Amino acid sequence: MRPVLLVTNHVPPDRVPSLRALHAAEGLEVAIYAGRLHHATAGVEDPGVPFVRTGQRAVHALAASGRFRAVIATSAGRIALPAAYLGARRAGVPFLWWTGIWAPVRTPAHVAGAPLMRAIERGADATIAYGPHVAAYARRRGARNVHVAPQAVDVGFWSAAGDRHAARRAAGDPAFLVLFAGRDAPGKGLGVLLEAWARSGLAAEGGVLALAGAPGDGPGVLPLGSLAPEKLRDFFTAADVVVVPSVPTRAFREPWALVVNEAMHQSAAVIATDAVGAAAGGLGREGQTGRDVPAGDAGARAAALRALPAAPAERARLAAAGHAAAARHTPQAWAQAVSGALASVSAGRGDC
């Protein structure tokens, strides 16, 4: 049976179990091309499924080759995405668009390419969305046959026990430990977080804001540098709260933020903003599985931080509910949803 082609520019480690699950269900080949990345995590050398490395311009010939029964492409790639779409059309096979976009992208390049993008959005035989927030946006843009595939991480790794005591010692045994894990990039909201931390006054009470992967200074601020995944898992275990302060920019709105899944698998309470896809997409639900605050509002974030040290029962409730919610976001659930999208266009393994 011919496999399915997936065209992407990046396979981070957390994506590997999902690709393996889809390969087991459907048969898969991944075409990985070089391109601009919005991810802090480096891609893997071997995704654990059949793959090729190719240039963006070569994607058209690959998709049009007749070797595949369907073509899936991600939103990245100014050349690779239309090449995959047109190649699938040339081969006469279904094209599926896998997207995390849920707000307009207003860079000059995206504005110039808007007519082509609209044609792909409306012309795709099926759309695979990161979550219901993305699905709703895609439908408003004219996408048809939209499926939600829940974003997943390596559940086995991120659910394994972390060394809480080692991380607390490394942070100086703080009275209250807040963790940020991410880059210092415009859309990540680090500046707003640092302002909120200063406003909260928690440093004067022995609190620490630990920054994994980003710089920062000030009372109670502890830059950790880049952490190996095992060390980051320790800090998720040790943190009283994990913060995801993303803000929207004209070029970026956080499609998901897998750090939310990772933290929840370690039963950490999460405070995110409404510009984080995992919150808009229902994993981090205000007052149920986490706390959501308006993006860019340092005062609201400071108040949320300020309220939690004196509320251990509330933190525990949010952490337990978040852990249960994240447990449903598995690689197998993602692969099953993609299989459903393939079946909807008569390109599933059971249809061939």
Protein backbone atom coordinates (compact mmCIF):
# COMPACT_ATOMS: atom_id res chain seq x y z
CA MET A 1 0.00 0.00 0.00
CA ARG A 2 1.26 3.48 -0.82
CA PRO A 3 2.15 5.54 2.28
CA VAL A 4 0.99 9.03 3.22
CA LEU A 5 3.46 11.89 2.71
CA LEU A 6 3.85 14.45 5.50
CA VAL A 7 5.76 17.62 4.54
CA THR A 8 7.25 19.65 7.40
CA ASN A 9 10.30 21.72 8.27
CA HIS A 10 10.71 20.49 11.83
CA VAL A 11 10.37 17.33 13.89
CA PRO A 12 10.99 18.13 17.58
CA PRO A 13 11.45 15.22 20.00
CA ASP A 14 7.90 15.56 21.34
CA ARG A 15 6.51 14.96 17.85
CA VAL A 16 8.23 11.59 17.39
CA PRO A 17 5.72 9.41 19.32
CA SER A 18 2.84 10.95 17.36
CA LEU A 19 4.53 10.28 14.02
CA ARG A 20 5.28 6.72 15.05
CA ALA A 21 1.66 6.20 16.05
CA LEU A 22 0.46 7.55 12.70
CA HIS A 23 2.97 5.41 10.81
CA ALA A 24 1.74 2.30 12.61
CA ALA A 25 -1.85 3.18 11.75
CA GLU A 26 -1.50 4.45 8.19
CA GLY A 27 2.01 4.06 6.80
CA LEU A 28 3.93 7.30 6.61
CA GLU A 29 6.88 9.01 4.98
CA VAL A 30 8.06 12.39 6.27
CA ALA A 31 9.72 14.94 4.00
CA ILE A 32 11.78 17.35 6.12
CA TYR A 33 12.97 20.55 4.47
CA ALA A 34 15.13 23.37 5.80
CA GLY A 35 13.33 26.57 6.65
CA ARG A 36 12.75 29.23 9.25
CA LEU A 37 11.87 27.81 12.67
CA HIS A 38 9.67 29.24 15.43
CA HIS A 39 10.69 26.49 17.84
CA ALA A 40 13.27 26.65 20.60
CA THR A 41 13.77 22.87 20.54
CA ALA A 42 16.11 21.43 17.94
CA GLY A 43 14.76 18.85 15.55
CA VAL A 44 15.71 15.20 15.78
CA GLU A 45 18.09 13.59 13.34
CA ASP A 46 15.85 10.55 12.91
CA PRO A 47 12.09 10.84 13.52
CA GLY A 48 11.73 7.10 13.91
CA VAL A 49 9.65 6.68 10.73
CA PRO A 50 10.65 6.58 7.04
CA PHE A 51 11.86 10.05 6.06
CA VAL A 52 13.80 12.06 3.50
CA ARG A 53 15.47 15.44 3.74
CA THR A 54 14.76 17.67 0.81
CA GLY A 55 14.70 21.25 -0.40
CA GLN A 56 11.48 23.26 -0.54
CA ARG A 57 11.45 23.37 -4.32
CA ALA A 58 11.86 19.59 -4.52
CA VAL A 59 8.65 19.04 -2.55
CA HIS A 60 6.49 19.47 -5.67
CA ALA A 61 8.13 16.59 -7.53
CA LEU A 62 7.94 14.39 -4.44
CA ALA A 63 4.25 15.09 -3.83
CA ALA A 64 3.48 14.64 -7.55
CA SER A 65 5.47 11.42 -7.86
CA GLY A 66 2.52 9.04 -7.51
CA ARG A 67 4.24 7.23 -4.63
CA PHE A 68 1.75 8.47 -2.03
CA ARG A 69 -1.99 8.05 -1.54
CA ALA A 70 -2.35 11.44 0.19
CA VAL A 71 -0.23 14.47 1.04
CA ILE A 72 -0.27 16.34 4.38
CA ALA A 73 1.60 19.63 4.75
CA THR A 74 2.10 22.02 7.65
CA SER A 75 1.58 25.77 7.54
CA ALA A 76 5.29 26.53 7.35
CA GLY A 77 7.21 26.92 4.12
CA ARG A 78 6.51 29.75 1.67
CA ILE A 79 7.54 27.46 -1.16
CA ALA A 80 7.06 24.00 0.37
CA LEU A 81 3.38 24.45 1.27
CA PRO A 82 2.15 25.49 -2.19
CA ALA A 83 4.54 22.97 -3.74
CA ALA A 84 2.97 20.18 -1.71
CA TYR A 85 -0.55 21.36 -2.58
CA LEU A 86 0.15 21.62 -6.30
CA GLY A 87 2.06 18.34 -6.29
CA ALA A 88 -0.89 16.53 -4.73
CA ARG A 89 -3.16 18.06 -7.34
CA ARG A 90 -0.82 16.90 -10.11
CA ALA A 91 -0.83 13.36 -8.67
CA GLY A 92 -4.62 13.40 -8.25
CA VAL A 93 -4.45 12.53 -4.55
CA PRO A 94 -6.06 14.26 -1.55
CA PHE A 95 -4.26 17.18 0.06
CA LEU A 96 -4.63 17.74 3.81
CA TRP A 97 -3.48 20.95 5.50
CA TRP A 98 -2.22 20.63 9.10
CA THR A 99 -2.37 24.03 10.76
CA GLY A 100 -1.94 25.84 14.07
CA ILE A 101 -2.84 29.31 12.73
CA TRP A 102 -5.73 30.92 14.62
CA ALA A 103 -5.25 34.63 14.00
CA PRO A 104 -4.24 36.74 10.98
CA VAL A 105 -0.51 36.90 10.24
CA ARG A 106 0.27 40.44 9.15
CA THR A 107 3.89 40.43 8.03
CA PRO A 108 4.55 41.87 4.54
CA ALA A 109 5.35 38.41 3.18
CA HIS A 110 2.11 36.93 4.50
CA VAL A 111 0.05 39.84 3.22
CA ALA A 112 1.60 39.43 -0.23
CA GLY A 113 0.94 35.69 -0.18
CA ALA A 114 -2.62 36.00 1.14
CA PRO A 115 -4.41 35.10 -2.14
CA LEU A 116 -2.37 31.92 -2.50
CA MET A 117 -2.90 31.05 1.16
CA ARG A 118 -6.64 31.57 0.83
CA ALA A 119 -6.69 29.23 -2.18
CA ILE A 120 -4.94 26.51 -0.18
CA GLU A 121 -7.20 27.01 2.85
CA ARG A 122 -10.33 26.67 0.72
CA GLY A 123 -8.94 24.08 -1.67
CA ALA A 124 -7.58 21.54 0.84
CA ASP A 125 -9.62 18.33 0.87
CA ALA A 126 -9.36 18.28 4.67
CA THR A 127 -7.89 20.52 7.35
CA ILE A 128 -6.24 19.12 10.48
CA ALA A 129 -6.33 21.69 13.30
CA TYR A 130 -4.25 21.89 16.48
CA GLY A 131 -7.41 22.47 18.53
CA PRO A 132 -10.95 23.86 18.38
CA HIS A 133 -9.61 27.43 18.38
CA VAL A 134 -7.72 26.71 15.15
CA ALA A 135 -10.66 24.77 13.70
CA ALA A 136 -13.00 27.72 14.26
CA TYR A 137 -10.59 30.14 12.58
CA ALA A 138 -10.04 27.78 9.64
CA ARG A 139 -13.79 27.46 9.08
CA ARG A 140 -14.18 31.23 9.13
CA ARG A 141 -11.51 31.37 6.44
CA GLY A 142 -13.44 28.97 4.22
CA ALA A 143 -11.80 25.65 5.11
CA ARG A 144 -13.99 22.60 4.72
CA ASN A 145 -13.91 19.16 6.32
CA VAL A 146 -12.05 20.33 9.44
CA HIS A 147 -10.74 17.82 12.00
CA VAL A 148 -9.19 18.50 15.41
CA ALA A 149 -6.08 16.47 16.25
CA PRO A 150 -5.15 17.08 19.93
CA GLN A 151 -1.61 18.29 20.44
CA ALA A 152 0.50 15.73 22.29
CA VAL A 153 3.95 15.34 23.78
CA ASP A 154 5.97 12.26 24.71
CA VAL A 155 3.64 11.19 27.52
CA GLY A 156 5.97 8.47 28.80
CA PHE A 157 8.87 10.86 29.23
CA TRP A 158 7.01 13.84 30.68
CA SER A 159 4.95 11.68 33.04
CA ALA A 160 8.00 9.94 34.52
CA ALA A 161 8.94 11.00 38.04
CA GLY A 162 11.15 14.09 38.23
CA ASP A 163 13.62 14.88 41.00
CA ARG A 164 11.73 17.56 42.91
CA HIS A 165 14.31 17.88 45.68
CA ALA A 166 17.24 18.40 43.29
CA ALA A 167 15.40 21.19 41.46
CA ARG A 168 14.31 22.91 44.68
CA ARG A 169 17.89 22.81 45.96
CA ALA A 170 19.16 24.24 42.66
CA ALA A 171 16.69 27.11 43.07
CA GLY A 172 17.84 27.79 46.65
CA ASP A 173 14.90 26.06 48.37
CA PRO A 174 12.47 28.95 47.77
CA ALA A 175 9.26 29.49 49.71
CA PHE A 176 7.39 29.60 46.38
CA LEU A 177 8.80 28.56 42.99
CA VAL A 178 7.47 29.96 39.73
CA LEU A 179 8.85 28.53 36.47
CA PHE A 180 9.02 29.95 32.96
CA ALA A 181 10.33 27.65 30.20
CA GLY A 182 10.89 29.22 26.79
CA ARG A 183 12.84 31.70 24.70
CA ASP A 184 13.23 35.43 24.96
CA ALA A 185 11.30 36.07 21.74
CA PRO A 186 8.77 38.84 21.01
CA GLY A 187 5.72 36.61 21.28
CA LYS A 188 6.73 34.84 24.48
CA GLY A 189 5.84 37.69 26.84
CA LEU A 190 8.96 37.53 28.99
CA GLY A 191 9.02 41.28 29.62
CA VAL A 192 5.41 41.23 30.84
CA LEU A 193 6.23 38.32 33.13
CA LEU A 194 9.21 40.09 34.68
CA GLU A 195 7.08 43.17 35.31
CA ALA A 196 4.34 41.02 36.85
CA TRP A 197 6.88 39.27 39.05
CA ALA A 198 8.21 42.58 40.36
CA ARG A 199 4.65 43.78 41.05
CA SER A 200 3.71 40.59 42.88
CA GLY A 201 6.18 41.20 45.72
CA LEU A 202 6.78 37.48 46.06
CA ALA A 203 10.57 37.88 45.99
CA ALA A 204 10.41 39.73 49.33
CA GLU A 205 8.70 36.67 50.80
CA GLY A 206 11.31 34.18 49.60
CA GLY A 207 9.80 33.44 46.23
CA VAL A 208 11.86 32.63 43.12
CA LEU A 209 11.05 33.07 39.44
CA ALA A 210 13.18 30.50 37.60
CA LEU A 211 13.77 31.11 33.89
CA ALA A 212 14.62 28.03 31.83
CA GLY A 213 16.05 29.04 28.46
CA ALA A 214 15.70 32.82 28.82
CA PRO A 215 17.68 35.63 30.47
CA GLY A 216 16.40 37.93 33.19
CA ASP A 217 17.43 39.73 36.35
CA GLY A 218 15.95 41.37 39.39
CA PRO A 219 15.04 40.35 42.93
CA GLY A 220 14.18 36.68 43.10
CA VAL A 221 14.83 36.05 39.39
CA LEU A 222 16.98 33.00 38.68
CA PRO A 223 18.14 32.37 35.07
CA LEU A 224 18.75 28.66 34.68
CA GLY A 225 20.15 28.72 31.14
CA SER A 226 19.23 26.01 28.68
CA LEU A 227 18.19 22.81 30.47
CA ALA A 228 18.35 19.24 29.28
CA PRO A 229 14.86 17.69 29.09
CA GLU A 230 15.49 15.62 32.21
CA LYS A 231 16.44 18.73 34.21
CA LEU A 232 13.46 20.65 32.87
CA ARG A 233 11.20 17.79 33.94
CA ASP A 234 12.69 18.08 37.46
CA PHE A 235 11.73 21.77 37.55
CA PHE A 236 8.20 21.05 36.35
CA THR A 237 7.92 18.59 39.24
CA ALA A 238 9.31 21.13 41.71
CA ALA A 239 7.43 24.25 40.55
CA ASP A 240 4.48 25.56 42.51
CA VAL A 241 3.30 27.30 39.33
CA VAL A 242 4.37 27.22 35.68
CA VAL A 243 3.70 30.42 33.73
CA VAL A 244 3.15 30.77 29.98
CA PRO A 245 2.91 34.55 29.37
CA SER A 246 2.72 34.60 25.55
CA VAL A 247 1.49 37.76 23.81
CA PRO A 248 0.24 38.20 20.23
CA THR A 249 2.37 39.97 17.62
CA ARG A 250 1.62 40.74 13.98
CA ALA A 251 3.73 37.73 13.00
CA PHE A 252 2.89 35.24 15.74
CA ARG A 253 0.22 33.92 18.05
CA GLU A 254 1.22 30.87 20.09
CA PRO A 255 -0.34 27.96 18.16
CA TRP A 256 -0.34 25.70 21.20
CA ALA A 257 2.64 25.79 23.66
CA LEU A 258 3.53 22.17 24.38
CA VAL A 259 5.12 23.33 27.62
CA VAL A 260 1.56 23.35 29.00
CA ASN A 261 1.20 19.61 28.29
CA GLU A 262 4.64 18.92 29.72
CA ALA A 263 3.94 20.83 32.94
CA MET A 264 0.51 19.25 33.39
CA HIS A 265 1.96 15.76 32.99
CA GLN A 266 4.10 16.62 36.03
CA SER A 267 1.00 17.85 37.91
CA ALA A 268 2.11 21.48 37.94
CA ALA A 269 -0.49 24.24 38.13
CA VAL A 270 -0.34 26.43 35.00
CA ILE A 271 -1.10 30.12 34.48
CA ALA A 272 -1.34 30.96 30.77
CA THR A 273 -2.62 33.91 28.78
CA ASP A 274 -5.51 34.01 26.36
CA ALA A 275 -2.93 34.24 23.54
CA VAL A 276 -1.74 30.69 24.26
CA GLY A 277 -3.25 28.06 21.98
CA ALA A 278 -3.39 25.44 24.73
CA ALA A 279 -5.65 27.78 26.71
CA ALA A 280 -7.78 28.92 23.77
CA GLY A 281 -7.93 25.31 22.62
CA GLY A 282 -9.37 24.03 25.88
CA LEU A 283 -6.51 22.23 27.62
CA GLY A 284 -5.91 25.07 30.08
CA ARG A 285 -9.45 26.13 31.05
CA GLU A 286 -9.86 29.08 33.40
CA GLY A 287 -10.70 27.94 36.91
CA GLN A 288 -10.93 24.29 35.86
CA THR A 289 -7.56 22.99 34.65
CA GLY A 290 -5.53 26.19 35.07
CA ARG A 291 -5.67 29.95 35.27
CA ASP A 292 -5.96 32.20 32.22
CA VAL A 293 -5.14 35.93 32.23
CA PRO A 294 -5.34 38.56 29.48
CA ALA A 295 -2.22 38.69 27.32
CA GLY A 296 0.04 41.64 28.06
CA ASP A 297 -1.69 42.47 31.35
CA ALA A 298 1.12 42.50 33.92
CA GLY A 299 -1.29 43.54 36.67
CA ALA A 300 -3.61 40.59 36.11
CA ARG A 301 -0.67 38.20 36.04
CA ALA A 302 0.76 39.70 39.23
CA ALA A 303 -2.61 39.27 40.93
CA ALA A 304 -2.85 35.64 39.78
CA LEU A 305 0.64 34.93 41.07
CA ARG A 306 -0.05 36.75 44.31
CA ALA A 307 -3.17 34.70 45.04
CA LEU A 308 -1.62 31.24 44.76
CA PRO A 309 1.00 30.98 47.56
CA ALA A 310 -1.74 31.17 50.19
CA ALA A 311 -3.98 28.71 48.35
CA PRO A 312 -2.23 25.30 48.27
CA ALA A 313 -5.54 23.44 48.00
CA GLU A 314 -6.51 25.46 44.92
CA ARG A 315 -3.12 24.82 43.34
CA ALA A 316 -3.50 21.11 44.00
CA ARG A 317 -7.00 21.08 42.51
CA LEU A 318 -5.88 22.86 39.34
CA ALA A 319 -2.82 20.61 39.05
CA ALA A 320 -4.87 17.42 39.37
CA ALA A 321 -7.45 18.58 36.85
CA GLY A 322 -4.71 19.67 34.44
CA HIS A 323 -2.97 16.32 34.78
CA ALA A 324 -6.19 14.48 33.94
CA ALA A 325 -6.84 16.73 30.93
CA ALA A 326 -3.30 16.35 29.56
CA ALA A 327 -3.57 12.57 29.91
CA ARG A 328 -6.16 12.62 27.14
CA HIS A 329 -3.78 14.42 24.77
CA THR A 330 -1.79 11.40 23.63
CA PRO A 331 0.12 10.54 20.46
CA GLN A 332 -2.44 7.81 19.83
CA ALA A 333 -5.32 10.31 20.07
CA TRP A 334 -3.53 12.60 17.62
CA ALA A 335 -2.89 9.75 15.18
CA GLN A 336 -6.50 8.57 15.44
CA ALA A 337 -7.75 12.05 14.54
CA VAL A 338 -5.41 12.25 11.54
CA SER A 339 -6.58 8.80 10.47
CA GLY A 340 -10.13 10.12 10.65
CA ALA A 341 -9.20 13.04 8.41
CA LEU A 342 -7.62 10.64 5.90
CA ALA A 343 -10.68 8.39 5.99
CA SER A 344 -12.90 11.40 5.32
CA VAL A 345 -11.24 11.83 1.93
CA SER A 346 -11.13 8.08 1.23
CA ALA A 347 -7.36 7.93 1.81
CA GLY A 348 -7.26 5.97 5.06
CA ARG A 349 -5.64 2.58 5.24
CA GLY A 350 -9.06 0.98 5.53
CA ASP A 351 -10.20 2.71 2.35
CA CYS A 352 -7.41 1.35 0.16
